[in-house]
Amino acid sequence: MIVRPNLLEFIKQINAPQANIVTSIWKDYEERTENRPFFDWVDNVGYERCQLHTSGHADLDGLKTIVSHIVPKHIIPIHTEKKGMYCEIFNGVIGLEDGEKFEL
């Protein structure tokens, strides 16, 4: 079952005698105040814990592969500090500012 720290109360209701908890969030997120109750509870009940980070960030080769398969009309870069770089690499790039709307 895929869970997130904000599902702690739901997980407590399952009351599984044994469990392995595999997290995919960045290790430092486990220490955030809002996530501590979840991880403290997991540790206190004695569940095995494994951290296996999966990144939401794509590298340039990955982006090129996706674009070559999808062949989009437009590309709108998000969650990046280098929006201008996309114009140098891809066609149809639309650089929006945070909060700016784009009409389809």
PDB file of N, CA and C in Angstrom:
ATOM      1  N   MET A   1       0.848  -1.176   0.000  1.00  0.00           N
ATOM      2  CA  MET A   1       0.000   0.000   0.000  1.00  0.00           C
ATOM      3  C   MET A   1       0.890   1.234   0.000  1.00  0.00           C
ATOM      4  N   ILE A   2       0.588   2.169  -0.836  1.00  0.00           N
ATOM      5  CA  ILE A   2       1.346   3.407  -0.896  1.00  0.00           C
ATOM      6  C   ILE A   2       0.738   4.372   0.117  1.00  0.00           C
ATOM      7  N   VAL A   3       1.579   4.915   0.974  1.00  0.00           N
ATOM      8  CA  VAL A   3       1.114   5.840   1.997  1.00  0.00           C
ATOM      9  C   VAL A   3       2.040   7.051   2.058  1.00  0.00           C
ATOM     10  N   ARG A   4       1.516   8.085   2.693  1.00  0.00           N
ATOM     11  CA  ARG A   4       2.295   9.280   2.946  1.00  0.00           C
ATOM     12  C   ARG A   4       2.180   9.589   4.429  1.00  0.00           C
ATOM     13  N   PRO A   5       3.126  10.378   4.949  1.00  0.00           N
ATOM     14  CA  PRO A   5       3.080  10.690   6.380  1.00  0.00           C
ATOM     15  C   PRO A   5       1.753  11.272   6.862  1.00  0.00           C
ATOM     16  N   ASN A   6       1.028  11.974   6.005  1.00  0.00           N
ATOM     17  CA  ASN A   6      -0.239  12.565   6.445  1.00  0.00           C
ATOM     18  C   ASN A   6      -1.357  11.529   6.578  1.00  0.00           C
ATOM     19  N   LEU A   7      -1.073  10.262   6.297  1.00  0.00           N
ATOM     20  CA  LEU A   7      -2.064   9.196   6.450  1.00  0.00           C
ATOM     21  C   LEU A   7      -1.851   8.399   7.738  1.00  0.00           C
ATOM     22  N   LEU A   8      -1.129   8.970   8.673  1.00  0.00           N
ATOM     23  CA  LEU A   8      -0.798   8.257   9.907  1.00  0.00           C
ATOM     24  C   LEU A   8      -2.020   7.704  10.627  1.00  0.00           C
ATOM     25  N   GLU A   9      -3.056   8.494  10.794  1.00  0.00           N
ATOM     26  CA  GLU A   9      -4.240   8.023  11.537  1.00  0.00           C
ATOM     27  C   GLU A   9      -4.890   6.842  10.836  1.00  0.00           C
ATOM     28  N   PHE A  10      -4.925   6.838   9.524  1.00  0.00           N
ATOM     29  CA  PHE A  10      -5.469   5.716   8.762  1.00  0.00           C
ATOM     30  C   PHE A  10      -4.616   4.463   8.976  1.00  0.00           C
ATOM     31  N   ILE A  11      -3.304   4.622   8.912  1.00  0.00           N
ATOM     32  CA  ILE A  11      -2.397   3.486   9.072  1.00  0.00           C
ATOM     33  C   ILE A  11      -2.521   2.884  10.474  1.00  0.00           C
ATOM     34  N   LYS A  12      -2.704   3.715  11.476  1.00  0.00           N
ATOM     35  CA  LYS A  12      -2.867   3.218  12.847  1.00  0.00           C
ATOM     36  C   LYS A  12      -4.076   2.292  12.948  1.00  0.00           C
ATOM     37  N   GLN A  13      -5.127   2.578  12.208  1.00  0.00           N
ATOM     38  CA  GLN A  13      -6.349   1.764  12.253  1.00  0.00           C
ATOM     39  C   GLN A  13      -6.131   0.370  11.683  1.00  0.00           C
ATOM     40  N   ILE A  14      -5.172   0.217  10.778  1.00  0.00           N
ATOM     41  CA  ILE A  14      -4.890  -1.087  10.188  1.00  0.00           C
ATOM     42  C   ILE A  14      -4.339  -2.034  11.249  1.00  0.00           C
ATOM     43  N   ASN A  15      -3.518  -1.490  12.147  1.00  0.00           N
ATOM     44  CA  ASN A  15      -2.989  -2.241  13.281  1.00  0.00           C
ATOM     45  C   ASN A  15      -2.284  -3.533  12.847  1.00  0.00           C
ATOM     46  N   ALA A  16      -1.419  -3.434  11.864  1.00  0.00           N
ATOM     47  CA  ALA A  16      -0.670  -4.604  11.390  1.00  0.00           C
ATOM     48  C   ALA A  16       0.421  -4.952  12.393  1.00  0.00           C
ATOM     49  N   PRO A  17       0.526  -6.240  12.772  1.00  0.00           N
ATOM     50  CA  PRO A  17       1.555  -6.614  13.743  1.00  0.00           C
ATOM     51  C   PRO A  17       2.972  -6.468  13.194  1.00  0.00           C
ATOM     52  N   GLN A  18       3.125  -6.614  11.897  1.00  0.00           N
ATOM     53  CA  GLN A  18       4.430  -6.452  11.258  1.00  0.00           C
ATOM     54  C   GLN A  18       4.238  -5.682   9.957  1.00  0.00           C
ATOM     55  N   ALA A  19       5.231  -4.882   9.631  1.00  0.00           N
ATOM     56  CA  ALA A  19       5.175  -4.155   8.360  1.00  0.00           C
ATOM     57  C   ALA A  19       6.561  -3.657   8.002  1.00  0.00           C
ATOM     58  N   ASN A  20       6.771  -3.488   6.748  1.00  0.00           N
ATOM     59  CA  ASN A  20       7.964  -2.824   6.243  1.00  0.00           C
ATOM     60  C   ASN A  20       7.507  -1.515   5.634  1.00  0.00           C
ATOM     61  N   ILE A  21       8.126  -0.440   6.021  1.00  0.00           N
ATOM     62  CA  ILE A  21       7.792   0.874   5.499  1.00  0.00           C
ATOM     63  C   ILE A  21       8.907   1.305   4.557  1.00  0.00           C
ATOM     64  N   VAL A  22       8.567   1.469   3.296  1.00  0.00           N
ATOM     65  CA  VAL A  22       9.532   1.926   2.302  1.00  0.00           C
ATOM     66  C   VAL A  22       9.138   3.342   1.924  1.00  0.00           C
ATOM     67  N   THR A  23      10.018   4.283   2.187  1.00  0.00           N
ATOM     68  CA  THR A  23       9.733   5.669   1.841  1.00  0.00           C
ATOM     69  C   THR A  23      10.497   6.049   0.590  1.00  0.00           C
ATOM     70  N   SER A  24       9.910   6.926  -0.204  1.00  0.00           N
ATOM     71  CA  SER A  24      10.598   7.393  -1.406  1.00  0.00           C
ATOM     72  C   SER A  24      10.819   8.897  -1.355  1.00  0.00           C
ATOM     73  N   ILE A  25      10.527   9.499  -0.220  1.00  0.00           N
ATOM     74  CA  ILE A  25      10.766  10.930  -0.096  1.00  0.00           C
ATOM     75  C   ILE A  25      12.235  11.178   0.215  1.00  0.00           C
ATOM     76  N   TRP A  26      12.684  12.365  -0.060  1.00  0.00           N
ATOM     77  CA  TRP A  26      14.047  12.763   0.214  1.00  0.00           C
ATOM     78  C   TRP A  26      14.308  12.585   1.696  1.00  0.00           C
ATOM     79  N   LYS A  27      15.435  12.013   2.056  1.00  0.00           N
ATOM     80  CA  LYS A  27      15.752  11.670   3.449  1.00  0.00           C
ATOM     81  C   LYS A  27      15.555  12.860   4.391  1.00  0.00           C
ATOM     82  N   ASP A  28      15.950  14.056   3.990  1.00  0.00           N
ATOM     83  CA  ASP A  28      15.805  15.228   4.858  1.00  0.00           C
ATOM     84  C   ASP A  28      14.347  15.560   5.161  1.00  0.00           C
ATOM     85  N   TYR A  29      13.400  15.153   4.286  1.00  0.00           N
ATOM     86  CA  TYR A  29      11.985  15.411   4.543  1.00  0.00           C
ATOM     87  C   TYR A  29      11.482  14.608   5.743  1.00  0.00           C
ATOM     88  N   GLU A  30      12.140  13.500   6.047  1.00  0.00           N
ATOM     89  CA  GLU A  30      11.731  12.711   7.207  1.00  0.00           C
ATOM     90  C   GLU A  30      11.908  13.495   8.497  1.00  0.00           C
ATOM     91  N   GLU A  31      12.812  14.447   8.492  1.00  0.00           N
ATOM     92  CA  GLU A  31      13.092  15.230   9.700  1.00  0.00           C
ATOM     93  C   GLU A  31      12.214  16.475   9.826  1.00  0.00           C
ATOM     94  N   ARG A  32      11.421  16.771   8.834  1.00  0.00           N
ATOM     95  CA  ARG A  32      10.543  17.943   8.930  1.00  0.00           C
ATOM     96  C   ARG A  32       9.519  17.749  10.044  1.00  0.00           C
ATOM     97  N   THR A  33       9.226  18.811  10.723  1.00  0.00           N
ATOM     98  CA  THR A  33       8.313  18.781  11.866  1.00  0.00           C
ATOM     99  C   THR A  33       6.999  18.091  11.536  1.00  0.00           C
ATOM    100  N   GLU A  34       6.422  18.388  10.371  1.00  0.00           N
ATOM    101  CA  GLU A  34       5.117  17.823  10.026  1.00  0.00           C
ATOM    102  C   GLU A  34       5.184  16.320   9.736  1.00  0.00           C
ATOM    103  N   ASN A  35       6.362  15.794   9.437  1.00  0.00           N
ATOM    104  CA  ASN A  35       6.501  14.368   9.142  1.00  0.00           C
ATOM    105  C   ASN A  35       6.996  13.547  10.330  1.00  0.00           C
ATOM    106  N   ARG A  36       7.509  14.195  11.362  1.00  0.00           N
ATOM    107  CA  ARG A  36       8.085  13.472  12.504  1.00  0.00           C
ATOM    108  C   ARG A  36       7.082  12.538  13.185  1.00  0.00           C
ATOM    109  N   PRO A  37       5.831  12.935  13.406  1.00  0.00           N
ATOM    110  CA  PRO A  37       4.906  12.005  14.069  1.00  0.00           C
ATOM    111  C   PRO A  37       4.793  10.667  13.332  1.00  0.00           C
ATOM    112  N   PHE A  38       4.760  10.696  12.016  1.00  0.00           N
ATOM    113  CA  PHE A  38       4.668   9.463  11.233  1.00  0.00           C
ATOM    114  C   PHE A  38       5.886   8.584  11.463  1.00  0.00           C
ATOM    115  N   PHE A  39       7.072   9.132  11.272  1.00  0.00           N
ATOM    116  CA  PHE A  39       8.290   8.334  11.387  1.00  0.00           C
ATOM    117  C   PHE A  39       8.568   7.915  12.825  1.00  0.00           C
ATOM    118  N   ASP A  40       8.227   8.756  13.786  1.00  0.00           N
ATOM    119  CA  ASP A  40       8.366   8.356  15.192  1.00  0.00           C
ATOM    120  C   ASP A  40       7.456   7.169  15.491  1.00  0.00           C
ATOM    121  N   TRP A  41       6.218   7.216  15.001  1.00  0.00           N
ATOM    122  CA  TRP A  41       5.285   6.117  15.232  1.00  0.00           C
ATOM    123  C   TRP A  41       5.791   4.829  14.579  1.00  0.00           C
ATOM    124  N   VAL A  42       6.248   4.919  13.342  1.00  0.00           N
ATOM    125  CA  VAL A  42       6.788   3.749  12.637  1.00  0.00           C
ATOM    126  C   VAL A  42       7.920   3.134  13.451  1.00  0.00           C
ATOM    127  N   ASP A  43       8.812   3.966  13.937  1.00  0.00           N
ATOM    128  CA  ASP A  43       9.933   3.461  14.731  1.00  0.00           C
ATOM    129  C   ASP A  43       9.459   2.865  16.054  1.00  0.00           C
ATOM    130  N   ASN A  44       8.498   3.502  16.702  1.00  0.00           N
ATOM    131  CA  ASN A  44       8.016   3.033  18.008  1.00  0.00           C
ATOM    132  C   ASN A  44       7.287   1.699  17.940  1.00  0.00           C
ATOM    133  N   VAL A  45       6.571   1.427  16.850  1.00  0.00           N
ATOM    134  CA  VAL A  45       5.878   0.144  16.739  1.00  0.00           C
ATOM    135  C   VAL A  45       6.807  -0.951  16.236  1.00  0.00           C
ATOM    136  N   GLY A  46       8.015  -0.587  15.848  1.00  0.00           N
ATOM    137  CA  GLY A  46       9.004  -1.575  15.458  1.00  0.00           C
ATOM    138  C   GLY A  46       8.960  -2.018  14.008  1.00  0.00           C
ATOM    139  N   TYR A  47       8.320  -1.228  13.162  1.00  0.00           N
ATOM    140  CA  TYR A  47       8.298  -1.571  11.742  1.00  0.00           C
ATOM    141  C   TYR A  47       9.694  -1.357  11.146  1.00  0.00           C
ATOM    142  N   GLU A  48      10.040  -2.192  10.193  1.00  0.00           N
ATOM    143  CA  GLU A  48      11.290  -2.010   9.470  1.00  0.00           C
ATOM    144  C   GLU A  48      11.129  -0.822   8.531  1.00  0.00           C
ATOM    145  N   ARG A  49      12.154  -0.018   8.447  1.00  0.00           N
ATOM    146  CA  ARG A  49      12.078   1.177   7.607  1.00  0.00           C
ATOM    147  C   ARG A  49      13.225   1.174   6.605  1.00  0.00           C
ATOM    148  N   CYS A  50      12.892   1.449   5.330  1.00  0.00           N
ATOM    149  CA  CYS A  50      13.879   1.516   4.257  1.00  0.00           C
ATOM    150  C   CYS A  50      13.613   2.780   3.459  1.00  0.00           C
ATOM    151  N   GLN A  51      14.653   3.528   3.158  1.00  0.00           N
ATOM    152  CA  GLN A  51      14.516   4.749   2.384  1.00  0.00           C
ATOM    153  C   GLN A  51      15.051   4.488   0.980  1.00  0.00           C
ATOM    154  N   LEU A  52      14.218   4.708  -0.024  1.00  0.00           N
ATOM    155  CA  LEU A  52      14.573   4.489  -1.417  1.00  0.00           C
ATOM    156  C   LEU A  52      14.116   5.710  -2.198  1.00  0.00           C
ATOM    157  N   HIS A  53      14.978   6.708  -2.276  1.00  0.00           N
ATOM    158  CA  HIS A  53      14.580   7.990  -2.874  1.00  0.00           C
ATOM    159  C   HIS A  53      14.324   7.861  -4.370  1.00  0.00           C
ATOM    160  N   THR A  54      13.207   8.418  -4.802  1.00  0.00           N
ATOM    161  CA  THR A  54      12.901   8.538  -6.223  1.00  0.00           C
ATOM    162  C   THR A  54      12.748  10.022  -6.516  1.00  0.00           C
ATOM    163  N   SER A  55      13.494  10.504  -7.433  1.00  0.00           N
ATOM    164  CA  SER A  55      13.498  11.924  -7.730  1.00  0.00           C
ATOM    165  C   SER A  55      12.407  12.280  -8.725  1.00  0.00           C
ATOM    166  N   GLY A  56      11.840  13.437  -8.557  1.00  0.00           N
ATOM    167  CA  GLY A  56      10.866  13.947  -9.503  1.00  0.00           C
ATOM    168  C   GLY A  56      11.527  14.807 -10.577  1.00  0.00           C
ATOM    169  N   HIS A  57      12.850  14.865 -10.562  1.00  0.00           N
ATOM    170  CA  HIS A  57      13.575  15.712 -11.492  1.00  0.00           C
ATOM    171  C   HIS A  57      14.110  14.895 -12.664  1.00  0.00           C
ATOM    172  N   ALA A  58      13.913  15.423 -13.858  1.00  0.00           N
ATOM    173  CA  ALA A  58      14.388  14.745 -15.068  1.00  0.00           C
ATOM    174  C   ALA A  58      15.691  15.384 -15.523  1.00  0.00           C
ATOM    175  N   ASP A  59      16.573  14.560 -16.059  1.00  0.00           N
ATOM    176  CA  ASP A  59      17.795  15.105 -16.652  1.00  0.00           C
ATOM    177  C   ASP A  59      17.526  15.464 -18.111  1.00  0.00           C
ATOM    178  N   LEU A  60      18.486  16.129 -18.740  1.00  0.00           N
ATOM    179  CA  LEU A  60      18.285  16.612 -20.103  1.00  0.00           C
ATOM    180  C   LEU A  60      18.015  15.472 -21.074  1.00  0.00           C
ATOM    181  N   ASP A  61      18.767  14.385 -20.975  1.00  0.00           N
ATOM    182  CA  ASP A  61      18.532  13.252 -21.883  1.00  0.00           C
ATOM    183  C   ASP A  61      17.126  12.684 -21.704  1.00  0.00           C
ATOM    184  N   GLY A  62      16.655  12.625 -20.459  1.00  0.00           N
ATOM    185  CA  GLY A  62      15.299  12.135 -20.199  1.00  0.00           C
ATOM    186  C   GLY A  62      14.248  13.043 -20.808  1.00  0.00           C
ATOM    187  N   LEU A  63      14.454  14.351 -20.679  1.00  0.00           N
ATOM    188  CA  LEU A  63      13.515  15.308 -21.278  1.00  0.00           C
ATOM    189  C   LEU A  63      13.490  15.185 -22.795  1.00  0.00           C
ATOM    190  N   LYS A  64      14.668  15.049 -23.399  1.00  0.00           N
ATOM    191  CA  LYS A  64      14.739  14.904 -24.856  1.00  0.00           C
ATOM    192  C   LYS A  64      14.025  13.636 -25.315  1.00  0.00           C
ATOM    193  N   THR A  65      14.169  12.565 -24.564  1.00  0.00           N
ATOM    194  CA  THR A  65      13.495  11.309 -24.905  1.00  0.00           C
ATOM    195  C   THR A  65      11.986  11.478 -24.853  1.00  0.00           C
ATOM    196  N   ILE A  66      11.490  12.090 -23.798  1.00  0.00           N
ATOM    197  CA  ILE A  66      10.050  12.301 -23.646  1.00  0.00           C
ATOM    198  C   ILE A  66       9.523  13.160 -24.794  1.00  0.00           C
ATOM    199  N   VAL A  67      10.207  14.255 -25.073  1.00  0.00           N
ATOM    200  CA  VAL A  67       9.764  15.164 -26.138  1.00  0.00           C
ATOM    201  C   VAL A  67       9.779  14.457 -27.492  1.00  0.00           C
ATOM    202  N   SER A  68      10.780  13.624 -27.747  1.00  0.00           N
ATOM    203  CA  SER A  68      10.843  12.932 -29.038  1.00  0.00           C
ATOM    204  C   SER A  68       9.720  11.911 -29.197  1.00  0.00           C
ATOM    205  N   HIS A  69       9.236  11.369 -28.104  1.00  0.00           N
ATOM    206  CA  HIS A  69       8.142  10.395 -28.167  1.00  0.00           C
ATOM    207  C   HIS A  69       6.770  11.072 -28.231  1.00  0.00           C
ATOM    208  N   ILE A  70       6.617  12.148 -27.481  1.00  0.00           N
ATOM    209  CA  ILE A  70       5.314  12.814 -27.398  1.00  0.00           C
ATOM    210  C   ILE A  70       5.111  13.804 -28.543  1.00  0.00           C
ATOM    211  N   VAL A  71       6.179  14.472 -28.967  1.00  0.00           N
ATOM    212  CA  VAL A  71       6.147  15.524 -29.985  1.00  0.00           C
ATOM    213  C   VAL A  71       5.064  16.558 -29.641  1.00  0.00           C
ATOM    214  N   PRO A  72       5.230  17.247 -28.527  1.00  0.00           N
ATOM    215  CA  PRO A  72       4.206  18.211 -28.095  1.00  0.00           C
ATOM    216  C   PRO A  72       4.211  19.479 -28.953  1.00  0.00           C
ATOM    217  N   LYS A  73       3.044  20.127 -29.015  1.00  0.00           N
ATOM    218  CA  LYS A  73       2.950  21.412 -29.715  1.00  0.00           C
ATOM    219  C   LYS A  73       3.650  22.495 -28.899  1.00  0.00           C
ATOM    220  N   HIS A  74       3.534  22.397 -27.591  1.00  0.00           N
ATOM    221  CA  HIS A  74       4.119  23.388 -26.690  1.00  0.00           C
ATOM    222  C   HIS A  74       4.783  22.680 -25.520  1.00  0.00           C
ATOM    223  N   ILE A  75       5.783  23.316 -24.969  1.00  0.00           N
ATOM    224  CA  ILE A  75       6.435  22.865 -23.742  1.00  0.00           C
ATOM    225  C   ILE A  75       6.424  24.046 -22.792  1.00  0.00           C
ATOM    226  N   ILE A  76       5.902  23.828 -21.605  1.00  0.00           N
ATOM    227  CA  ILE A  76       5.875  24.876 -20.589  1.00  0.00           C
ATOM    228  C   ILE A  76       6.737  24.399 -19.412  1.00  0.00           C
ATOM    229  N   PRO A  77       7.958  24.914 -19.309  1.00  0.00           N
ATOM    230  CA  PRO A  77       8.826  24.495 -18.210  1.00  0.00           C
ATOM    231  C   PRO A  77       8.258  24.934 -16.859  1.00  0.00           C
ATOM    232  N   ILE A  78       8.278  24.013 -15.913  1.00  0.00           N
ATOM    233  CA  ILE A  78       7.858  24.334 -14.545  1.00  0.00           C
ATOM    234  C   ILE A  78       8.912  23.795 -13.586  1.00  0.00           C
ATOM    235  N   HIS A  79       8.934  24.320 -12.397  1.00  0.00           N
ATOM    236  CA  HIS A  79       9.831  23.843 -11.341  1.00  0.00           C
ATOM    237  C   HIS A  79      11.276  23.826 -11.840  1.00  0.00           C
ATOM    238  N   THR A  80      11.689  24.950 -12.404  1.00  0.00           N
ATOM    239  CA  THR A  80      13.056  25.044 -12.920  1.00  0.00           C
ATOM    240  C   THR A  80      13.604  26.441 -12.677  1.00  0.00           C
ATOM    241  N   GLU A  81      14.890  26.527 -12.573  1.00  0.00           N
ATOM    242  CA  GLU A  81      15.547  27.819 -12.429  1.00  0.00           C
ATOM    243  C   GLU A  81      16.123  28.287 -13.759  1.00  0.00           C
ATOM    244  N   LYS A  82      16.000  27.449 -14.812  1.00  0.00           N
ATOM    245  CA  LYS A  82      16.618  27.760 -16.096  1.00  0.00           C
ATOM    246  C   LYS A  82      15.609  27.649 -17.240  1.00  0.00           C
ATOM    247  N   LYS A  83      14.517  28.417 -17.134  1.00  0.00           N
ATOM    248  CA  LYS A  83      13.489  28.369 -18.179  1.00  0.00           C
ATOM    249  C   LYS A  83      14.041  28.730 -19.551  1.00  0.00           C
ATOM    250  N   GLY A  84      14.936  29.695 -19.611  1.00  0.00           N
ATOM    251  CA  GLY A  84      15.477  30.152 -20.880  1.00  0.00           C
ATOM    252  C   GLY A  84      16.233  29.077 -21.628  1.00  0.00           C
ATOM    253  N   MET A  85      16.812  28.139 -20.910  1.00  0.00           N
ATOM    254  CA  MET A  85      17.568  27.054 -21.523  1.00  0.00           C
ATOM    255  C   MET A  85      16.682  26.201 -22.427  1.00  0.00           C
ATOM    256  N   TYR A  86      15.424  26.048 -22.065  1.00  0.00           N
ATOM    257  CA  TYR A  86      14.507  25.211 -22.847  1.00  0.00           C
ATOM    258  C   TYR A  86      14.348  25.750 -24.262  1.00  0.00           C
ATOM    259  N   CYS A  87      14.324  27.065 -24.439  1.00  0.00           N
ATOM    260  CA  CYS A  87      14.181  27.671 -25.766  1.00  0.00           C
ATOM    261  C   CYS A  87      15.358  27.330 -26.661  1.00  0.00           C
ATOM    262  N   GLU A  88      16.521  27.127 -26.080  1.00  0.00           N
ATOM    263  CA  GLU A  88      17.713  26.795 -26.852  1.00  0.00           C
ATOM    264  C   GLU A  88      17.709  25.331 -27.301  1.00  0.00           C
ATOM    265  N   ILE A  89      16.935  24.492 -26.639  1.00  0.00           N
ATOM    266  CA  ILE A  89      16.970  23.047 -26.882  1.00  0.00           C
ATOM    267  C   ILE A  89      15.730  22.542 -27.609  1.00  0.00           C
ATOM    268  N   PHE A  90      14.553  23.097 -27.269  1.00  0.00           N
ATOM    269  CA  PHE A  90      13.288  22.586 -27.791  1.00  0.00           C
ATOM    270  C   PHE A  90      12.541  23.656 -28.585  1.00  0.00           C
ATOM    271  N   ASN A  91      11.660  23.219 -29.456  1.00  0.00           N
ATOM    272  CA  ASN A  91      10.764  24.120 -30.180  1.00  0.00           C
ATOM    273  C   ASN A  91       9.446  24.219 -29.419  1.00  0.00           C
ATOM    274  N   GLY A  92       8.758  25.336 -29.589  1.00  0.00           N
ATOM    275  CA  GLY A  92       7.428  25.497 -29.008  1.00  0.00           C
ATOM    276  C   GLY A  92       7.414  25.761 -27.516  1.00  0.00           C
ATOM    277  N   VAL A  93       8.500  26.297 -26.986  1.00  0.00           N
ATOM    278  CA  VAL A  93       8.579  26.554 -25.548  1.00  0.00           C
ATOM    279  C   VAL A  93       7.830  27.834 -25.204  1.00  0.00           C
ATOM    280  N   ILE A  94       7.008  27.764 -24.170  1.00  0.00           N
ATOM    281  CA  ILE A  94       6.291  28.925 -23.659  1.00  0.00           C
ATOM    282  C   ILE A  94       6.758  29.140 -22.228  1.00  0.00           C
ATOM    283  N   GLY A  95       7.410  30.260 -21.991  1.00  0.00           N
ATOM    284  CA  GLY A  95       7.923  30.555 -20.654  1.00  0.00           C
ATOM    285  C   GLY A  95       6.948  31.402 -19.869  1.00  0.00           C
ATOM    286  N   LEU A  96       6.236  30.771 -18.956  1.00  0.00           N
ATOM    287  CA  LEU A  96       5.272  31.491 -18.123  1.00  0.00           C
ATOM    288  C   LEU A  96       5.910  31.878 -16.794  1.00  0.00           C
ATOM    289  N   GLU A  97       5.434  32.979 -16.237  1.00  0.00           N
ATOM    290  CA  GLU A  97       5.848  33.385 -14.898  1.00  0.00           C
ATOM    291  C   GLU A  97       4.941  32.699 -13.883  1.00  0.00           C
ATOM    292  N   ASP A  98       5.391  32.590 -12.649  1.00  0.00           N
ATOM    293  CA  ASP A  98       4.561  31.986 -11.609  1.00  0.00           C
ATOM    294  C   ASP A  98       3.211  32.693 -11.540  1.00  0.00           C
ATOM    295  N   GLY A  99       2.145  31.929 -11.577  1.00  0.00           N
ATOM    296  CA  GLY A  99       0.798  32.469 -11.493  1.00  0.00           C
ATOM    297  C   GLY A  99       0.219  32.925 -12.819  1.00  0.00           C
ATOM    298  N   GLU A 100       1.033  32.971 -13.858  1.00  0.00           N
ATOM    299  CA  GLU A 100       0.551  33.388 -15.169  1.00  0.00           C
ATOM    300  C   GLU A 100      -0.282  32.287 -15.792  1.00  0.00           C
ATOM    301  N   LYS A 101      -1.428  32.661 -16.396  1.00  0.00           N
ATOM    302  CA  LYS A 101      -2.335  31.676 -17.003  1.00  0.00           C
ATOM    303  C   LYS A 101      -2.004  31.492 -18.476  1.00  0.00           C
ATOM    304  N   PHE A 102      -2.320  30.288 -18.946  1.00  0.00           N
ATOM    305  CA  PHE A 102      -2.146  29.951 -20.360  1.00  0.00           C
ATOM    306  C   PHE A 102      -3.451  29.377 -20.853  1.00  0.00           C
ATOM    307  N   GLU A 103      -4.036  30.000 -21.837  1.00  0.00           N
ATOM    308  CA  GLU A 103      -5.308  29.542 -22.395  1.00  0.00           C
ATOM    309  C   GLU A 103      -5.060  28.483 -23.468  1.00  0.00           C
ATOM    310  N   LEU A 104      -5.792  27.394 -23.383  1.00  0.00           N
ATOM    311  CA  LEU A 104      -5.699  26.339 -24.399  1.00  0.00           C
ATOM    312  C   LEU A 104      -6.667  26.612 -25.531  1.00  0.00           C
TER     313      LEU A 104
END
